[in-house]
Amino acid sequence: MSLGADDRKWLADLTSGRVRYEEPMSRHTSFRVGGPAEAFVAPETSDELSALVTGLAGRGIPYQVVGGGTNLIVTDAGISGVVISLGPGMSKILIENISASRFMATVMAGTSLRLFCSHVIRNGLKGMNFALGIPGTVGGAIRMNAGTALGWISDVLESITVLYPSGLQETIGRNALSFSYRKLLLPRLTCGEALCHQTIIVSGSFSLAGASSTDLKQEAREILKNRKCRQPVALPSAGCIFKNPPSGKSAGELIDLCGLKGLKIGGAQVSEKHANFIVNTGSAAAADILSLMDRVRQTVFKRFDVNLEPEVIVIGN
């Protein structure tokens, strides 16, 4: 393990004692699986986040950032170092009117995507209804370029602000960002910072249009009704488990054609409602889910010669 007595004292002082040790990550993932984080911290302000990241980098302590814990599998062995949770303490929405019909929403990364969507609908702002029903935080949605058949985060994102391990913050406009399917590619900027997986998205700014709140609410009801009919919302999952292939049938169709709906390993099961979902039936371990994913990939490859790429991120020891 990487934390010594001096490190623990520093963390306790920095967070006013809010650091938690051996925190079960099953409490912080939508799959409800995952071993313990050596230390778990939820910064309450941007300044605290910056001080935490700078201090961890300076001490050589590894850290991992999580948002809502969706689209994520934490291994049963847990995570060494510090898990930084961007949650309620990093949640804020600021709306600015930039023209007669255009608005800019600047949203902190820890804001619930569901809360953001609801907020703009109530305020008669159009552009985020495509994301209704997508779990997680705004930061995670940006990092994964979250989307549906109705649209993508990249359609409305104007800029992001990132935090480097050095403590430097940088705002990056959309022209410097590259998006692909389920991925945001950060550029190497002129600021001289080396980009790495520990670069943290602090906030994003979104371009939205004025619209009728009544119409948006009606559209939202239809979208959510459709998602509830098609997806296994009653059981813990991480959303779609595999990316759709670039051409041909979707991942869900391929899995379904292999007759894999209902297949179980331990407490993990391929959903009988949507084949591209794996659900926790109540007693799953991360190992069950990973084994089931591997079985599905092998079966689909053997029958269709298609290599399904995981959409979920796996972290941990």
Protein backbone atom coordinates (compact mmCIF):
# COMPACT_ATOMS: atom_id res chain seq x y z
CA MET A 1 0.00 0.00 0.00
CA SER A 2 1.26 3.48 -0.74
CA LEU A 3 0.10 5.68 2.16
CA GLY A 4 2.37 6.22 5.15
CA ALA A 5 1.55 7.83 8.49
CA ASP A 6 2.71 11.25 7.27
CA ASP A 7 0.55 10.96 4.15
CA ARG A 8 -2.48 10.09 6.24
CA LYS A 9 -1.93 13.06 8.54
CA TRP A 10 -1.59 15.39 5.55
CA LEU A 11 -4.83 14.06 4.03
CA ALA A 12 -6.67 14.43 7.33
CA ASP A 13 -5.46 18.02 7.74
CA LEU A 14 -6.30 18.97 4.15
CA THR A 15 -9.81 17.54 4.25
CA SER A 16 -10.64 18.42 7.88
CA GLY A 17 -10.86 14.72 8.65
CA ARG A 18 -13.24 13.84 5.80
CA VAL A 19 -10.91 11.22 4.30
CA ARG A 20 -12.17 7.64 4.52
CA TYR A 21 -9.86 4.62 4.54
CA GLU A 22 -10.60 1.17 3.13
CA GLU A 23 -13.80 2.58 1.66
CA PRO A 24 -15.80 -0.09 -0.24
CA MET A 25 -16.10 1.07 -3.85
CA SER A 26 -19.28 -0.98 -4.14
CA ARG A 27 -20.91 2.02 -2.43
CA HIS A 28 -19.78 4.31 -5.22
CA THR A 29 -20.40 2.38 -8.45
CA SER A 30 -23.69 1.82 -10.25
CA PHE A 31 -22.80 -1.88 -10.58
CA ARG A 32 -22.60 -2.10 -6.76
CA VAL A 33 -19.31 -4.02 -6.98
CA GLY A 34 -15.69 -3.21 -6.21
CA GLY A 35 -13.13 -3.70 -3.47
CA PRO A 36 -11.87 -1.03 -1.06
CA ALA A 37 -10.18 2.24 -1.94
CA GLU A 38 -7.09 2.72 0.20
CA ALA A 39 -8.29 6.29 0.78
CA PHE A 40 -11.42 8.05 -0.48
CA VAL A 41 -11.83 11.84 -0.61
CA ALA A 42 -14.70 13.99 -1.91
CA PRO A 43 -13.38 17.57 -2.31
CA GLU A 44 -15.87 20.26 -1.36
CA THR A 45 -14.37 23.09 -3.42
CA SER A 46 -12.23 23.62 -6.51
CA ASP A 47 -9.44 24.98 -4.32
CA GLU A 48 -9.48 21.85 -2.18
CA LEU A 49 -9.38 19.68 -5.31
CA SER A 50 -6.40 21.63 -6.66
CA ALA A 51 -4.52 21.40 -3.35
CA LEU A 52 -5.28 17.69 -3.12
CA VAL A 53 -4.11 16.88 -6.65
CA THR A 54 -0.95 19.00 -6.34
CA GLY A 55 -0.08 17.41 -3.01
CA LEU A 56 -0.69 13.86 -4.21
CA ALA A 57 1.43 14.41 -7.32
CA GLY A 58 4.22 15.96 -5.24
CA ARG A 59 4.20 13.04 -2.82
CA GLY A 60 4.10 10.46 -5.59
CA ILE A 61 0.79 9.05 -4.38
CA PRO A 62 -1.34 7.53 -7.14
CA TYR A 63 -4.88 8.81 -7.48
CA GLN A 64 -7.95 7.96 -9.49
CA VAL A 65 -10.87 10.29 -10.20
CA VAL A 66 -14.43 8.98 -10.26
CA GLY A 67 -17.71 10.76 -10.78
CA GLY A 68 -21.03 8.99 -10.39
CA GLY A 69 -19.39 5.57 -10.68
CA THR A 70 -21.35 4.71 -13.80
CA ASN A 71 -19.75 3.13 -16.87
CA LEU A 72 -17.18 1.81 -14.39
CA ILE A 73 -16.07 -1.52 -12.94
CA VAL A 74 -13.76 -1.52 -9.91
CA THR A 75 -11.96 -4.82 -9.41
CA ASP A 76 -12.56 -6.87 -6.28
CA ALA A 77 -8.99 -6.17 -5.12
CA GLY A 78 -9.81 -2.46 -4.83
CA ILE A 79 -7.68 0.59 -5.56
CA SER A 80 -4.31 1.61 -4.09
CA GLY A 81 -3.68 5.27 -3.36
CA VAL A 82 -6.45 7.86 -3.26
CA VAL A 83 -9.82 7.84 -4.99
CA ILE A 84 -11.08 11.38 -5.63
CA SER A 85 -14.85 11.58 -5.95
CA LEU A 86 -16.25 14.55 -7.85
CA GLY A 87 -19.71 14.70 -6.38
CA PRO A 88 -22.01 17.25 -4.70
CA GLY A 89 -19.12 19.43 -3.55
CA MET A 90 -18.15 19.98 -7.17
CA SER A 91 -21.68 20.59 -8.44
CA LYS A 92 -22.77 23.96 -9.83
CA ILE A 93 -24.65 25.26 -12.88
CA LEU A 94 -24.30 28.82 -14.22
CA ILE A 95 -26.50 29.99 -17.12
CA GLU A 96 -25.54 33.05 -19.19
CA ASN A 97 -27.59 34.68 -21.94
CA ILE A 98 -25.21 35.30 -24.86
CA SER A 99 -27.77 36.44 -27.46
CA ALA A 100 -31.51 36.72 -27.98
CA SER A 101 -31.89 32.96 -28.37
CA ARG A 102 -28.55 31.45 -27.33
CA PHE A 103 -27.40 30.56 -23.83
CA MET A 104 -24.18 29.22 -22.33
CA ALA A 105 -24.38 26.79 -19.43
CA THR A 106 -21.15 26.34 -17.48
CA VAL A 107 -21.41 23.20 -15.37
CA MET A 108 -18.99 21.79 -12.81
CA ALA A 109 -17.84 18.23 -13.44
CA GLY A 110 -19.41 16.75 -10.30
CA THR A 111 -22.91 17.85 -11.29
CA SER A 112 -25.32 15.00 -11.91
CA LEU A 113 -26.12 14.77 -15.62
CA ARG A 114 -29.73 14.10 -14.67
CA LEU A 115 -29.80 17.30 -12.58
CA PHE A 116 -28.28 19.32 -15.43
CA CYS A 117 -30.86 18.02 -17.91
CA SER A 118 -33.74 18.75 -15.54
CA HIS A 119 -32.41 22.23 -14.79
CA VAL A 120 -32.20 23.33 -18.42
CA ILE A 121 -35.61 21.86 -19.26
CA ARG A 122 -37.22 23.83 -16.42
CA ASN A 123 -35.51 26.96 -17.69
CA GLY A 124 -36.70 26.45 -21.28
CA LEU A 125 -33.29 25.60 -22.76
CA LYS A 126 -32.96 23.14 -25.61
CA GLY A 127 -30.00 20.90 -26.37
CA MET A 128 -29.65 18.35 -23.57
CA ASN A 129 -32.75 16.18 -23.97
CA PHE A 130 -30.68 13.56 -25.82
CA ALA A 131 -28.92 12.85 -22.50
CA LEU A 132 -32.06 12.17 -20.49
CA GLY A 133 -31.73 8.90 -18.63
CA ILE A 134 -27.95 8.70 -19.00
CA PRO A 135 -26.56 8.21 -15.47
CA GLY A 136 -23.41 9.71 -14.02
CA THR A 137 -21.88 13.17 -13.81
CA VAL A 138 -21.22 15.90 -16.34
CA GLY A 139 -17.46 15.33 -16.09
CA GLY A 140 -17.83 11.65 -16.90
CA ALA A 141 -20.22 12.43 -19.74
CA ILE A 142 -17.66 14.79 -21.28
CA ARG A 143 -14.77 12.35 -20.86
CA MET A 144 -16.78 9.55 -22.51
CA ASN A 145 -18.55 11.77 -25.07
CA ALA A 146 -21.80 10.33 -23.78
CA GLY A 147 -24.64 10.10 -26.22
CA THR A 148 -27.60 8.29 -27.71
CA ALA A 149 -29.21 8.01 -31.12
CA LEU A 150 -30.56 11.51 -30.44
CA GLY A 151 -27.24 13.29 -29.95
CA TRP A 152 -23.85 13.51 -28.28
CA ILE A 153 -22.14 15.69 -25.71
CA SER A 154 -19.82 16.87 -28.49
CA ASP A 155 -22.84 18.40 -30.27
CA VAL A 156 -23.30 21.04 -27.57
CA LEU A 157 -19.96 21.29 -25.75
CA GLU A 158 -18.16 24.61 -26.33
CA SER A 159 -15.20 24.32 -23.97
CA ILE A 160 -13.79 22.48 -20.98
CA THR A 161 -11.60 23.53 -18.07
CA VAL A 162 -9.03 20.96 -16.97
CA LEU A 163 -6.79 20.63 -13.92
CA TYR A 164 -3.27 19.26 -14.33
CA PRO A 165 -1.32 17.45 -11.57
CA SER A 166 0.80 20.60 -11.21
CA GLY A 167 -2.29 22.53 -10.10
CA LEU A 168 -2.49 24.56 -13.32
CA GLN A 169 -5.96 25.00 -14.82
CA GLU A 170 -6.48 25.45 -18.54
CA THR A 171 -9.61 26.22 -20.58
CA ILE A 172 -9.75 24.43 -23.93
CA GLY A 173 -12.14 25.51 -26.71
CA ARG A 174 -14.07 23.02 -28.82
CA ASN A 175 -11.87 23.63 -31.87
CA ALA A 176 -8.93 22.15 -29.97
CA LEU A 177 -10.88 19.09 -28.82
CA SER A 178 -11.20 15.85 -30.75
CA PHE A 179 -14.13 13.53 -30.19
CA SER A 180 -14.72 9.97 -31.26
CA TYR A 181 -17.19 7.28 -30.30
CA ARG A 182 -17.30 7.23 -26.49
CA LYS A 183 -14.09 9.19 -26.16
CA LEU A 184 -12.74 12.72 -25.77
CA LEU A 185 -9.17 13.21 -26.97
CA LEU A 186 -7.34 16.02 -25.19
CA PRO A 187 -4.72 17.93 -27.22
CA ARG A 188 -1.16 18.64 -26.17
CA LEU A 189 -1.46 22.30 -25.28
CA THR A 190 1.04 25.14 -25.57
CA CYS A 191 1.00 25.56 -21.79
CA GLY A 192 3.78 22.98 -21.59
CA GLU A 193 1.87 20.56 -19.38
CA ALA A 194 2.21 16.89 -20.21
CA LEU A 195 -1.24 15.42 -20.66
CA CYS A 196 -1.90 12.17 -18.83
CA HIS A 197 -4.76 10.09 -17.46
CA GLN A 198 -4.57 12.17 -14.28
CA THR A 199 -5.67 15.34 -16.07
CA ILE A 200 -9.04 16.17 -14.49
CA ILE A 201 -12.00 17.81 -16.21
CA VAL A 202 -13.22 20.48 -13.79
CA SER A 203 -16.11 21.94 -15.79
CA GLY A 204 -17.69 22.19 -19.22
CA SER A 205 -19.55 24.94 -21.05
CA PHE A 206 -22.52 24.05 -23.26
CA SER A 207 -24.25 26.04 -25.99
CA LEU A 208 -28.04 25.82 -25.67
CA ALA A 209 -31.02 27.42 -27.39
CA GLY A 210 -34.18 28.95 -25.97
CA ALA A 211 -37.30 26.81 -26.33
CA SER A 212 -40.70 26.09 -24.81
CA SER A 213 -40.34 24.43 -21.42
CA THR A 214 -43.71 22.73 -21.92
CA ASP A 215 -42.59 21.18 -25.21
CA LEU A 216 -39.27 20.10 -23.72
CA LYS A 217 -41.02 18.42 -20.78
CA GLN A 218 -43.33 16.51 -23.13
CA GLU A 219 -40.36 15.37 -25.21
CA ALA A 220 -38.54 14.36 -22.02
CA ARG A 221 -41.45 12.19 -20.87
CA GLU A 222 -41.43 10.32 -24.19
CA ILE A 223 -37.66 9.79 -24.14
CA LEU A 224 -37.65 8.48 -20.57
CA LYS A 225 -40.65 6.24 -21.21
CA ASN A 226 -38.87 4.71 -24.20
CA ARG A 227 -35.66 4.12 -22.23
CA LYS A 228 -37.58 2.48 -19.38
CA CYS A 229 -39.28 0.10 -21.83
CA ARG A 230 -36.01 -0.93 -23.49
CA GLN A 231 -33.49 -0.99 -20.65
CA PRO A 232 -33.20 -2.97 -17.37
CA VAL A 233 -33.44 0.02 -15.05
CA ALA A 234 -34.56 -2.03 -12.03
CA LEU A 235 -31.20 -3.79 -11.52
CA PRO A 236 -27.67 -2.41 -10.95
CA SER A 237 -25.69 -2.08 -14.17
CA ALA A 238 -23.19 0.20 -15.88
CA GLY A 239 -25.29 0.93 -18.93
CA CYS A 240 -24.28 -0.52 -22.29
CA ILE A 241 -21.33 -2.81 -21.68
CA PHE A 242 -19.82 -2.88 -25.19
CA LYS A 243 -19.32 -0.26 -27.87
CA ASN A 244 -21.28 -0.74 -31.06
CA PRO A 245 -19.12 -1.95 -33.97
CA PRO A 246 -18.36 0.78 -36.54
CA SER A 247 -20.59 -0.93 -39.10
CA GLY A 248 -23.17 -3.66 -39.30
CA LYS A 249 -25.31 -4.86 -36.45
CA SER A 250 -25.19 -3.27 -33.00
CA ALA A 251 -23.47 -4.98 -30.08
CA GLY A 252 -26.84 -5.80 -28.55
CA GLU A 253 -28.09 -7.41 -31.77
CA LEU A 254 -24.95 -9.56 -32.10
CA ILE A 255 -25.18 -10.74 -28.49
CA ASP A 256 -28.89 -11.48 -28.89
CA LEU A 257 -28.30 -13.49 -32.09
CA CYS A 258 -25.81 -15.62 -30.15
CA GLY A 259 -28.62 -16.54 -27.76
CA LEU A 260 -26.81 -15.05 -24.78
CA LYS A 261 -29.69 -13.19 -23.11
CA GLY A 262 -30.08 -14.55 -19.60
CA LEU A 263 -26.59 -16.10 -19.48
CA LYS A 264 -25.24 -15.98 -15.91
CA ILE A 265 -21.88 -16.26 -14.22
CA GLY A 266 -22.19 -15.97 -10.46
CA GLY A 267 -24.41 -12.99 -9.73
CA ALA A 268 -23.81 -11.33 -13.12
CA GLN A 269 -26.31 -11.83 -15.93
CA VAL A 270 -26.75 -10.72 -19.53
CA SER A 271 -30.01 -8.79 -19.32
CA GLU A 272 -33.04 -10.48 -20.80
CA LYS A 273 -34.41 -7.04 -21.65
CA HIS A 274 -31.39 -5.59 -23.51
CA ALA A 275 -28.54 -7.89 -24.55
CA ASN A 276 -25.89 -5.15 -24.33
CA PHE A 277 -26.53 -4.75 -20.60
CA ILE A 278 -25.00 -6.90 -17.89
CA VAL A 279 -26.86 -6.64 -14.60
CA ASN A 280 -26.01 -7.45 -11.00
CA THR A 281 -28.75 -9.79 -9.83
CA GLY A 282 -27.81 -9.11 -6.22
CA SER A 283 -24.67 -11.05 -5.38
CA ALA A 284 -22.26 -10.31 -8.22
CA ALA A 285 -18.56 -9.69 -7.73
CA ALA A 286 -16.53 -7.70 -10.22
CA ALA A 287 -14.87 -10.97 -11.26
CA ASP A 288 -18.28 -12.38 -12.26
CA ILE A 289 -18.97 -9.40 -14.50
CA LEU A 290 -15.53 -9.50 -16.12
CA SER A 291 -15.79 -13.25 -16.73
CA LEU A 292 -19.23 -12.81 -18.29
CA MET A 293 -17.94 -10.01 -20.51
CA ASP A 294 -15.12 -12.27 -21.67
CA ARG A 295 -17.53 -15.12 -22.40
CA VAL A 296 -19.77 -12.82 -24.44
CA ARG A 297 -16.82 -11.41 -26.43
CA GLN A 298 -15.50 -14.88 -27.23
CA THR A 299 -18.91 -16.15 -28.32
CA VAL A 300 -19.61 -13.17 -30.58
CA PHE A 301 -16.13 -13.32 -32.11
CA LYS A 302 -16.41 -17.05 -32.78
CA ARG A 303 -19.76 -16.68 -34.56
CA PHE A 304 -19.45 -13.31 -36.31
CA ASP A 305 -15.69 -12.58 -36.36
CA VAL A 306 -16.46 -9.27 -34.62
CA ASN A 307 -14.35 -8.17 -31.66
CA LEU A 308 -16.58 -6.30 -29.22
CA GLU A 309 -14.75 -3.48 -27.46
CA PRO A 310 -15.78 -2.76 -23.86
CA GLU A 311 -17.51 0.57 -23.30
CA VAL A 312 -17.07 0.36 -19.54
CA ILE A 313 -13.79 1.33 -17.89
CA VAL A 314 -12.11 -1.17 -15.56
CA ILE A 315 -9.92 0.20 -12.77
CA GLY A 316 -8.27 -1.28 -9.71
CA ASN A 317 -5.46 -3.52 -8.55
